[in-house]
Amino acid sequence: GLNLKWNLTVRKAFGFRTFKALQMASFHQLGD
């Protein structure tokens, strides 16, 4: 379920060029 939210986060962002940006977005949405 959390992975599904993660995929939606990435899709909403139209992808991230760097791992750091992807990491920030993931914690922002799923880190509570």
Full PDB file with SEQRES, HELIX, SHEET, SSBOND, CRYST1, ORIGX, SCALE, CONECT and MASTER records, all heavy atoms in Angstrom:
SEQRES   1 A   32  GLY LEU ASN LEU LYS TRP ASN LEU THR VAL ARG LYS ALA          
SEQRES   2 A   32  PHE GLY PHE ARG THR PHE LYS ALA LEU GLN MET ALA SER          
SEQRES   3 A   32  PHE HIS GLN LEU GLY ASP                                      
HELIX    1 AA1 LEU A    2  LYS A   12  1                                  11    
HELIX    2 AA2 PHE A   19  LEU A   30  1                                  12    
CRYST1    1.000    1.000    1.000  90.00  90.00  90.00 P 1           1          
ORIGX1      1.000000  0.000000  0.000000        0.00000                         
ORIGX2      0.000000  1.000000  0.000000        0.00000                         
ORIGX3      0.000000  0.000000  1.000000        0.00000                         
SCALE1      1.000000  0.000000  0.000000        0.00000                         
SCALE2      0.000000  1.000000  0.000000        0.00000                         
SCALE3      0.000000  0.000000  1.000000        0.00000                         
ATOM      1  N   GLY A   1       0.817  -1.204   0.000  1.00  0.00           N  
ATOM      2  CA  GLY A   1       0.000   0.000   0.000  1.00  0.00           C  
ATOM      3  C   GLY A   1       0.852   1.255   0.000  1.00  0.00           C  
ATOM      4  O   GLY A   1       0.572   2.229  -0.714  1.00  0.00           O  
ATOM      5  N   LEU A   2       1.924   1.248   0.804  1.00  0.00           N  
ATOM      6  CA  LEU A   2       2.849   2.373   0.834  1.00  0.00           C  
ATOM      7  C   LEU A   2       3.614   2.489  -0.487  1.00  0.00           C  
ATOM      8  O   LEU A   2       3.870   3.600  -0.965  1.00  0.00           O  
ATOM      9  CB  LEU A   2       3.823   2.218   2.003  1.00  0.00           C  
ATOM     10  CG  LEU A   2       3.199   2.365   3.405  1.00  0.00           C  
ATOM     11  CD1 LEU A   2       4.167   1.877   4.483  1.00  0.00           C  
ATOM     12  CD2 LEU A   2       2.808   3.806   3.690  1.00  0.00           C  
ATOM     13  N   ASN A   3       3.961   1.347  -1.081  1.00  0.00           N  
ATOM     14  CA  ASN A   3       4.632   1.367  -2.382  1.00  0.00           C  
ATOM     15  C   ASN A   3       3.737   1.984  -3.461  1.00  0.00           C  
ATOM     16  O   ASN A   3       4.216   2.672  -4.358  1.00  0.00           O  
ATOM     17  CB  ASN A   3       5.037  -0.043  -2.796  1.00  0.00           C  
ATOM     18  CG  ASN A   3       6.269  -0.541  -2.057  1.00  0.00           C  
ATOM     19  OD1 ASN A   3       6.960   0.226  -1.384  1.00  0.00           O  
ATOM     20  ND2 ASN A   3       6.557  -1.825  -2.167  1.00  0.00           N  
ATOM     21  N   LEU A   4       2.422   1.719  -3.367  1.00  0.00           N  
ATOM     22  CA  LEU A   4       1.485   2.312  -4.318  1.00  0.00           C  
ATOM     23  C   LEU A   4       1.494   3.828  -4.198  1.00  0.00           C  
ATOM     24  O   LEU A   4       1.519   4.550  -5.210  1.00  0.00           O  
ATOM     25  CB  LEU A   4       0.081   1.765  -4.079  1.00  0.00           C  
ATOM     26  CG  LEU A   4      -1.045   2.337  -4.966  1.00  0.00           C  
ATOM     27  CD1 LEU A   4      -0.758   2.036  -6.437  1.00  0.00           C  
ATOM     28  CD2 LEU A   4      -2.396   1.777  -4.556  1.00  0.00           C  
ATOM     29  N   LYS A   5       1.498   4.336  -2.968  1.00  0.00           N  
ATOM     30  CA  LYS A   5       1.585   5.778  -2.745  1.00  0.00           C  
ATOM     31  C   LYS A   5       2.905   6.327  -3.292  1.00  0.00           C  
ATOM     32  O   LYS A   5       2.954   7.427  -3.833  1.00  0.00           O  
ATOM     33  CB  LYS A   5       1.455   6.093  -1.256  1.00  0.00           C  
ATOM     34  CG  LYS A   5       0.073   5.833  -0.675  1.00  0.00           C  
ATOM     35  CD  LYS A   5       0.016   6.222   0.785  1.00  0.00           C  
ATOM     36  CE  LYS A   5      -1.369   5.958   1.360  1.00  0.00           C  
ATOM     37  NZ  LYS A   5      -1.422   6.327   2.813  1.00  0.00           N  
ATOM     38  N   TRP A   6       3.981   5.551  -3.123  1.00  0.00           N  
ATOM     39  CA  TRP A   6       5.276   5.964  -3.640  1.00  0.00           C  
ATOM     40  C   TRP A   6       5.237   6.089  -5.166  1.00  0.00           C  
ATOM     41  O   TRP A   6       5.737   7.068  -5.723  1.00  0.00           O  
ATOM     42  CB  TRP A   6       6.336   4.946  -3.224  1.00  0.00           C  
ATOM     43  CG  TRP A   6       7.729   5.338  -3.614  1.00  0.00           C  
ATOM     44  CD1 TRP A   6       8.609   6.085  -2.883  1.00  0.00           C  
ATOM     45  CD2 TRP A   6       8.394   5.034  -4.850  1.00  0.00           C  
ATOM     46  NE1 TRP A   6       9.781   6.260  -3.577  1.00  0.00           N  
ATOM     47  CE2 TRP A   6       9.681   5.625  -4.786  1.00  0.00           C  
ATOM     48  CE3 TRP A   6       8.035   4.332  -5.988  1.00  0.00           C  
ATOM     49  CZ2 TRP A   6      10.594   5.521  -5.821  1.00  0.00           C  
ATOM     50  CZ3 TRP A   6       8.955   4.234  -7.029  1.00  0.00           C  
ATOM     51  CH2 TRP A   6      10.211   4.810  -6.934  1.00  0.00           C  
ATOM     52  N   ASN A   7       4.638   5.115  -5.828  1.00  0.00           N  
ATOM     53  CA  ASN A   7       4.533   5.172  -7.288  1.00  0.00           C  
ATOM     54  C   ASN A   7       3.718   6.381  -7.745  1.00  0.00           C  
ATOM     55  O   ASN A   7       4.034   7.013  -8.755  1.00  0.00           O  
ATOM     56  CB  ASN A   7       3.900   3.887  -7.820  1.00  0.00           C  
ATOM     57  CG  ASN A   7       4.883   2.724  -7.861  1.00  0.00           C  
ATOM     58  OD1 ASN A   7       6.007   2.870  -8.300  1.00  0.00           O  
ATOM     59  ND2 ASN A   7       4.467   1.551  -7.404  1.00  0.00           N  
ATOM     60  N   LEU A   8       2.665   6.698  -7.008  1.00  0.00           N  
ATOM     61  CA  LEU A   8       1.854   7.869  -7.328  1.00  0.00           C  
ATOM     62  C   LEU A   8       2.662   9.152  -7.157  1.00  0.00           C  
ATOM     63  O   LEU A   8       2.511  10.102  -7.926  1.00  0.00           O  
ATOM     64  CB  LEU A   8       0.604   7.906  -6.452  1.00  0.00           C  
ATOM     65  CG  LEU A   8      -0.448   6.817  -6.718  1.00  0.00           C  
ATOM     66  CD1 LEU A   8      -1.542   6.866  -5.650  1.00  0.00           C  
ATOM     67  CD2 LEU A   8      -1.061   6.989  -8.100  1.00  0.00           C  
ATOM     68  N   THR A   9       3.520   9.177  -6.139  1.00  0.00           N  
ATOM     69  CA  THR A   9       4.385  10.336  -5.902  1.00  0.00           C  
ATOM     70  C   THR A   9       5.317  10.561  -7.088  1.00  0.00           C  
ATOM     71  O   THR A   9       5.472  11.676  -7.571  1.00  0.00           O  
ATOM     72  CB  THR A   9       5.208  10.138  -4.617  1.00  0.00           C  
ATOM     73  OG1 THR A   9       4.327  10.001  -3.500  1.00  0.00           O  
ATOM     74  CG2 THR A   9       6.148  11.312  -4.386  1.00  0.00           C  
ATOM     75  N   VAL A  10       5.943   9.494  -7.552  1.00  0.00           N  
ATOM     76  CA  VAL A  10       6.875   9.589  -8.674  1.00  0.00           C  
ATOM     77  C   VAL A  10       6.141   9.975  -9.959  1.00  0.00           C  
ATOM     78  O   VAL A  10       6.609  10.803 -10.739  1.00  0.00           O  
ATOM     79  CB  VAL A  10       7.629   8.265  -8.858  1.00  0.00           C  
ATOM     80  CG1 VAL A  10       8.534   8.334 -10.079  1.00  0.00           C  
ATOM     81  CG2 VAL A  10       8.464   7.964  -7.616  1.00  0.00           C  
ATOM     82  N   ARG A  11       4.970   9.365 -10.154  1.00  0.00           N  
ATOM     83  CA  ARG A  11       4.187   9.667 -11.354  1.00  0.00           C  
ATOM     84  C   ARG A  11       3.744  11.127 -11.368  1.00  0.00           C  
ATOM     85  O   ARG A  11       3.772  11.786 -12.404  1.00  0.00           O  
ATOM     86  CB  ARG A  11       2.971   8.751 -11.417  1.00  0.00           C  
ATOM     87  CG  ARG A  11       2.282   8.704 -12.786  1.00  0.00           C  
ATOM     88  CD  ARG A  11       1.112   7.754 -12.748  1.00  0.00           C  
ATOM     89  NE  ARG A  11       1.527   6.433 -12.303  1.00  0.00           N  
ATOM     90  CZ  ARG A  11       0.719   5.534 -11.764  1.00  0.00           C  
ATOM     91  NH1 ARG A  11      -0.549   5.826 -11.585  1.00  0.00           N  
ATOM     92  NH2 ARG A  11       1.166   4.342 -11.400  1.00  0.00           N  
ATOM     93  N   LYS A  12       3.329  11.621 -10.206  1.00  0.00           N  
ATOM     94  CA  LYS A  12       2.886  13.009 -10.101  1.00  0.00           C  
ATOM     95  C   LYS A  12       4.006  13.980 -10.411  1.00  0.00           C  
ATOM     96  O   LYS A  12       3.799  15.066 -10.920  1.00  0.00           O  
ATOM     97  CB  LYS A  12       2.349  13.260  -8.684  1.00  0.00           C  
ATOM     98  CG  LYS A  12       1.743  14.623  -8.472  1.00  0.00           C  
ATOM     99  CD  LYS A  12       1.078  14.715  -7.118  1.00  0.00           C  
ATOM    100  CE  LYS A  12       2.073  14.638  -6.000  1.00  0.00           C  
ATOM    101  NZ  LYS A  12       1.444  14.847  -4.665  1.00  0.00           N  
ATOM    102  N   ALA A  13       5.230  13.557 -10.086  1.00  0.00           N  
ATOM    103  CA  ALA A  13       6.386  14.419 -10.308  1.00  0.00           C  
ATOM    104  C   ALA A  13       6.966  14.268 -11.705  1.00  0.00           C  
ATOM    105  O   ALA A  13       7.937  14.948 -12.039  1.00  0.00           O  
ATOM    106  CB  ALA A  13       7.460  14.110  -9.281  1.00  0.00           C  
ATOM    107  N   PHE A  14       6.389  13.380 -12.513  1.00  0.00           N  
ATOM    108  CA  PHE A  14       6.886  13.110 -13.861  1.00  0.00           C  
ATOM    109  C   PHE A  14       8.342  12.652 -13.835  1.00  0.00           C  
ATOM    110  O   PHE A  14       9.115  12.920 -14.748  1.00  0.00           O  
ATOM    111  CB  PHE A  14       6.731  14.348 -14.765  1.00  0.00           C  
ATOM    112  CG  PHE A  14       5.327  14.858 -14.839  1.00  0.00           C  
ATOM    113  CD1 PHE A  14       4.945  16.007 -14.176  1.00  0.00           C  
ATOM    114  CD2 PHE A  14       4.377  14.161 -15.533  1.00  0.00           C  
ATOM    115  CE1 PHE A  14       3.648  16.471 -14.231  1.00  0.00           C  
ATOM    116  CE2 PHE A  14       3.065  14.618 -15.586  1.00  0.00           C  
ATOM    117  CZ  PHE A  14       2.701  15.774 -14.941  1.00  0.00           C  
ATOM    118  N   GLY A  15       8.728  11.956 -12.775  1.00  0.00           N  
ATOM    119  CA  GLY A  15      10.075  11.422 -12.660  1.00  0.00           C  
ATOM    120  C   GLY A  15      11.060  12.422 -12.077  1.00  0.00           C  
ATOM    121  O   GLY A  15      10.880  13.633 -12.177  1.00  0.00           O  
ATOM    122  N   PHE A  16      12.101  11.917 -11.478  1.00  0.00           N  
ATOM    123  CA  PHE A  16      13.153  12.755 -10.904  1.00  0.00           C  
ATOM    124  C   PHE A  16      14.488  12.378 -11.534  1.00  0.00           C  
ATOM    125  O   PHE A  16      14.785  11.209 -11.749  1.00  0.00           O  
ATOM    126  CB  PHE A  16      13.230  12.566  -9.386  1.00  0.00           C  
ATOM    127  CG  PHE A  16      12.014  13.067  -8.655  1.00  0.00           C  
ATOM    128  CD1 PHE A  16      11.001  12.208  -8.282  1.00  0.00           C  
ATOM    129  CD2 PHE A  16      11.894  14.404  -8.338  1.00  0.00           C  
ATOM    130  CE1 PHE A  16       9.882  12.668  -7.614  1.00  0.00           C  
ATOM    131  CE2 PHE A  16      10.779  14.874  -7.667  1.00  0.00           C  
ATOM    132  CZ  PHE A  16       9.777  14.011  -7.308  1.00  0.00           C  
ATOM    133  N   ARG A  17      15.285  13.386 -11.809  1.00  0.00           N  
ATOM    134  CA  ARG A  17      16.571  13.156 -12.447  1.00  0.00           C  
ATOM    135  C   ARG A  17      17.620  12.605 -11.482  1.00  0.00           C  
ATOM    136  O   ARG A  17      18.539  11.917 -11.890  1.00  0.00           O  
ATOM    137  CB  ARG A  17      17.084  14.453 -13.084  1.00  0.00           C  
ATOM    138  CG  ARG A  17      16.239  14.945 -14.255  1.00  0.00           C  
ATOM    139  CD  ARG A  17      16.806  16.207 -14.855  1.00  0.00           C  
ATOM    140  NE  ARG A  17      15.992  16.696 -15.945  1.00  0.00           N  
ATOM    141  CZ  ARG A  17      16.092  16.318 -17.207  1.00  0.00           C  
ATOM    142  NH1 ARG A  17      17.019  15.442 -17.522  1.00  0.00           N  
ATOM    143  NH2 ARG A  17      15.308  16.798 -18.142  1.00  0.00           N  
ATOM    144  N   THR A  18      17.512  12.932 -10.205  1.00  0.00           N  
ATOM    145  CA  THR A  18      18.516  12.499  -9.237  1.00  0.00           C  
ATOM    146  C   THR A  18      17.876  11.674  -8.131  1.00  0.00           C  
ATOM    147  O   THR A  18      16.689  11.850  -7.812  1.00  0.00           O  
ATOM    148  CB  THR A  18      19.239  13.707  -8.610  1.00  0.00           C  
ATOM    149  OG1 THR A  18      18.299  14.485  -7.834  1.00  0.00           O  
ATOM    150  CG2 THR A  18      19.860  14.584  -9.683  1.00  0.00           C  
ATOM    151  N   PHE A  19      18.686  10.798  -7.540  1.00  0.00           N  
ATOM    152  CA  PHE A  19      18.203   9.997  -6.423  1.00  0.00           C  
ATOM    153  C   PHE A  19      17.861  10.890  -5.228  1.00  0.00           C  
ATOM    154  O   PHE A  19      16.905  10.626  -4.499  1.00  0.00           O  
ATOM    155  CB  PHE A  19      19.267   8.964  -6.022  1.00  0.00           C  
ATOM    156  CG  PHE A  19      18.977   8.286  -4.720  1.00  0.00           C  
ATOM    157  CD1 PHE A  19      17.974   7.340  -4.620  1.00  0.00           C  
ATOM    158  CD2 PHE A  19      19.709   8.598  -3.581  1.00  0.00           C  
ATOM    159  CE1 PHE A  19      17.704   6.722  -3.409  1.00  0.00           C  
ATOM    160  CE2 PHE A  19      19.438   7.989  -2.375  1.00  0.00           C  
ATOM    161  CZ  PHE A  19      18.435   7.037  -2.287  1.00  0.00           C  
ATOM    162  N   LYS A  20      18.628  11.963  -5.017  1.00  0.00           N  
ATOM    163  CA  LYS A  20      18.397  12.855  -3.894  1.00  0.00           C  
ATOM    164  C   LYS A  20      17.010  13.480  -3.955  1.00  0.00           C  
ATOM    165  O   LYS A  20      16.303  13.543  -2.944  1.00  0.00           O  
ATOM    166  CB  LYS A  20      19.475  13.952  -3.860  1.00  0.00           C  
ATOM    167  CG  LYS A  20      19.510  14.761  -2.571  1.00  0.00           C  
ATOM    168  CD  LYS A  20      19.968  13.922  -1.404  1.00  0.00           C  
ATOM    169  CE  LYS A  20      20.071  14.762  -0.131  1.00  0.00           C  
ATOM    170  NZ  LYS A  20      20.462  13.922   1.029  1.00  0.00           N  
ATOM    171  N   ALA A  21      16.615  13.950  -5.140  1.00  0.00           N  
ATOM    172  CA  ALA A  21      15.283  14.538  -5.303  1.00  0.00           C  
ATOM    173  C   ALA A  21      14.199  13.499  -5.068  1.00  0.00           C  
ATOM    174  O   ALA A  21      13.178  13.785  -4.426  1.00  0.00           O  
ATOM    175  CB  ALA A  21      15.148  15.137  -6.704  1.00  0.00           C  
ATOM    176  N   LEU A  22      14.414  12.290  -5.569  1.00  0.00           N  
ATOM    177  CA  LEU A  22      13.469  11.194  -5.365  1.00  0.00           C  
ATOM    178  C   LEU A  22      13.348  10.866  -3.880  1.00  0.00           C  
ATOM    179  O   LEU A  22      12.253  10.635  -3.360  1.00  0.00           O  
ATOM    180  CB  LEU A  22      13.937   9.962  -6.143  1.00  0.00           C  
ATOM    181  CG  LEU A  22      13.072   8.712  -6.073  1.00  0.00           C  
ATOM    182  CD1 LEU A  22      11.688   8.982  -6.625  1.00  0.00           C  
ATOM    183  CD2 LEU A  22      13.734   7.569  -6.847  1.00  0.00           C  
ATOM    184  N   GLN A  23      14.465  10.867  -3.188  1.00  0.00           N  
ATOM    185  CA  GLN A  23      14.491  10.587  -1.748  1.00  0.00           C  
ATOM    186  C   GLN A  23      13.714  11.659  -0.978  1.00  0.00           C  
ATOM    187  O   GLN A  23      12.922  11.336  -0.077  1.00  0.00           O  
ATOM    188  CB  GLN A  23      15.938  10.516  -1.269  1.00  0.00           C  
ATOM    189  CG  GLN A  23      16.110  10.017   0.151  1.00  0.00           C  
ATOM    190  CD  GLN A  23      17.577  10.019   0.557  1.00  0.00           C  
ATOM    191  OE1 GLN A  23      18.324  10.955   0.270  1.00  0.00           O  
ATOM    192  NE2 GLN A  23      18.029   8.954   1.191  1.00  0.00           N  
ATOM    193  N   MET A  24      13.934  12.935  -1.316  1.00  0.00           N  
ATOM    194  CA  MET A  24      13.241  14.023  -0.637  1.00  0.00           C  
ATOM    195  C   MET A  24      11.732  13.920  -0.838  1.00  0.00           C  
ATOM    196  O   MET A  24      10.951  14.065   0.107  1.00  0.00           O  
ATOM    197  CB  MET A  24      13.741  15.374  -1.159  1.00  0.00           C  
ATOM    198  CG  MET A  24      15.167  15.717  -0.771  1.00  0.00           C  
ATOM    199  SD  MET A  24      15.378  15.877   1.022  1.00  0.00           S  
ATOM    200  CE  MET A  24      16.611  14.609   1.296  1.00  0.00           C  
ATOM    201  N   ALA A  25      11.309  13.662  -2.070  1.00  0.00           N  
ATOM    202  CA  ALA A  25       9.879  13.540  -2.365  1.00  0.00           C  
ATOM    203  C   ALA A  25       9.257  12.362  -1.623  1.00  0.00           C  
ATOM    204  O   ALA A  25       8.128  12.454  -1.130  1.00  0.00           O  
ATOM    205  CB  ALA A  25       9.667  13.385  -3.868  1.00  0.00           C  
ATOM    206  N   SER A  26       9.984  11.258  -1.519  1.00  0.00           N  
ATOM    207  CA  SER A  26       9.479  10.058  -0.848  1.00  0.00           C  
ATOM    208  C   SER A  26       9.270  10.303   0.638  1.00  0.00           C  
ATOM    209  O   SER A  26       8.223   9.967   1.198  1.00  0.00           O  
ATOM    210  CB  SER A  26      10.443   8.890  -1.067  1.00  0.00           C  
ATOM    211  OG  SER A  26      10.621   8.622  -2.450  1.00  0.00           O  
ATOM    212  N   PHE A  27      10.260  10.882   1.288  1.00  0.00           N  
ATOM    213  CA  PHE A  27      10.125  11.173   2.712  1.00  0.00           C  
ATOM    214  C   PHE A  27       9.049  12.236   2.954  1.00  0.00           C  
ATOM    215  O   PHE A  27       8.340  12.188   3.953  1.00  0.00           O  
ATOM    216  CB  PHE A  27      11.459  11.638   3.293  1.00  0.00           C  
ATOM    217  CG  PHE A  27      12.360  10.515   3.705  1.00  0.00           C  
ATOM    218  CD1 PHE A  27      13.538  10.255   3.031  1.00  0.00           C  
ATOM    219  CD2 PHE A  27      12.032   9.710   4.787  1.00  0.00           C  
ATOM    220  CE1 PHE A  27      14.367   9.216   3.411  1.00  0.00           C  
ATOM    221  CE2 PHE A  27      12.854   8.664   5.171  1.00  0.00           C  
ATOM    222  CZ  PHE A  27      14.027   8.419   4.478  1.00  0.00           C  
ATOM    223  N   HIS A  28       8.943  13.168   2.032  1.00  0.00           N  
ATOM    224  CA  HIS A  28       7.947  14.236   2.164  1.00  0.00           C  
ATOM    225  C   HIS A  28       6.524  13.669   2.162  1.00  0.00           C  
ATOM    226  O   HIS A  28       5.661  14.111   2.934  1.00  0.00           O  
ATOM    227  CB  HIS A  28       8.136  15.237   1.026  1.00  0.00           C  
ATOM    228  CG  HIS A  28       7.341  16.490   1.163  1.00  0.00           C  
ATOM    229  ND1 HIS A  28       7.253  17.203   2.335  1.00  0.00           N  
ATOM    230  CD2 HIS A  28       6.575  17.175   0.267  1.00  0.00           C  
ATOM    231  CE1 HIS A  28       6.490  18.258   2.167  1.00  0.00           C  
ATOM    232  NE2 HIS A  28       6.052  18.253   0.926  1.00  0.00           N  
ATOM    233  N   GLN A  29       6.282  12.673   1.308  1.00  0.00           N  
ATOM    234  CA  GLN A  29       4.948  12.102   1.169  1.00  0.00           C  
ATOM    235  C   GLN A  29       4.679  10.967   2.142  1.00  0.00           C  
ATOM    236  O   GLN A  29       3.560  10.816   2.638  1.00  0.00           O  
ATOM    237  CB  GLN A  29       4.749  11.600  -0.268  1.00  0.00           C  
ATOM    238  CG  GLN A  29       4.734  12.689  -1.323  1.00  0.00           C  
ATOM    239  CD  GLN A  29       3.443  13.495  -1.334  1.00  0.00           C  
ATOM    240  OE1 GLN A  29       2.487  13.174  -0.645  1.00  0.00           O  
ATOM    241  NE2 GLN A  29       3.395  14.541  -2.130  1.00  0.00           N  
ATOM    242  N   LEU A  30       5.694  10.138   2.420  1.00  0.00           N  
ATOM    243  CA  LEU A  30       5.476   8.892   3.163  1.00  0.00           C  
ATOM    244  C   LEU A  30       6.141   8.849   4.534  1.00  0.00           C  
ATOM    245  O   LEU A  30       5.943   7.892   5.281  1.00  0.00           O  
ATOM    246  CB  LEU A  30       5.989   7.699   2.334  1.00  0.00           C  
ATOM    247  CG  LEU A  30       5.428   7.553   0.920  1.00  0.00           C  
ATOM    248  CD1 LEU A  30       6.122   6.409   0.185  1.00  0.00           C  
ATOM    249  CD2 LEU A  30       3.936   7.301   0.976  1.00  0.00           C  
ATOM    250  N   GLY A  31       6.947   9.870   4.858  1.00  0.00           N  
ATOM    251  CA  GLY A  31       7.727   9.812   6.089  1.00  0.00           C  
ATOM    252  C   GLY A  31       6.959  10.160   7.354  1.00  0.00           C  
ATOM    253  O   GLY A  31       7.427   9.879   8.461  1.00  0.00           O  
ATOM    254  N   ASP A  32       5.756  10.771   7.208  1.00  0.00           N  
ATOM    255  CA  ASP A  32       4.976  11.200   8.376  1.00  0.00           C  
ATOM    256  C   ASP A  32       5.870  11.967   9.347  1.00  0.00           C  
ATOM    257  O   ASP A  32       5.927  11.683  10.551  1.00  0.00           O  
ATOM    258  CB  ASP A  32       4.334   9.994   9.076  1.00  0.00           C  
ATOM    259  CG  ASP A  32       3.286  10.389  10.114  1.00  0.00           C  
ATOM    260  OD1 ASP A  32       2.811  11.545  10.060  1.00  0.00           O  
ATOM    261  OD2 ASP A  32       2.983   9.565  11.007  1.00  0.00           O  
TER     262      ASP A  32                                                      
MASTER        0    0    0    2    0    0    0    6  261    1    0    3          
END                                                                             
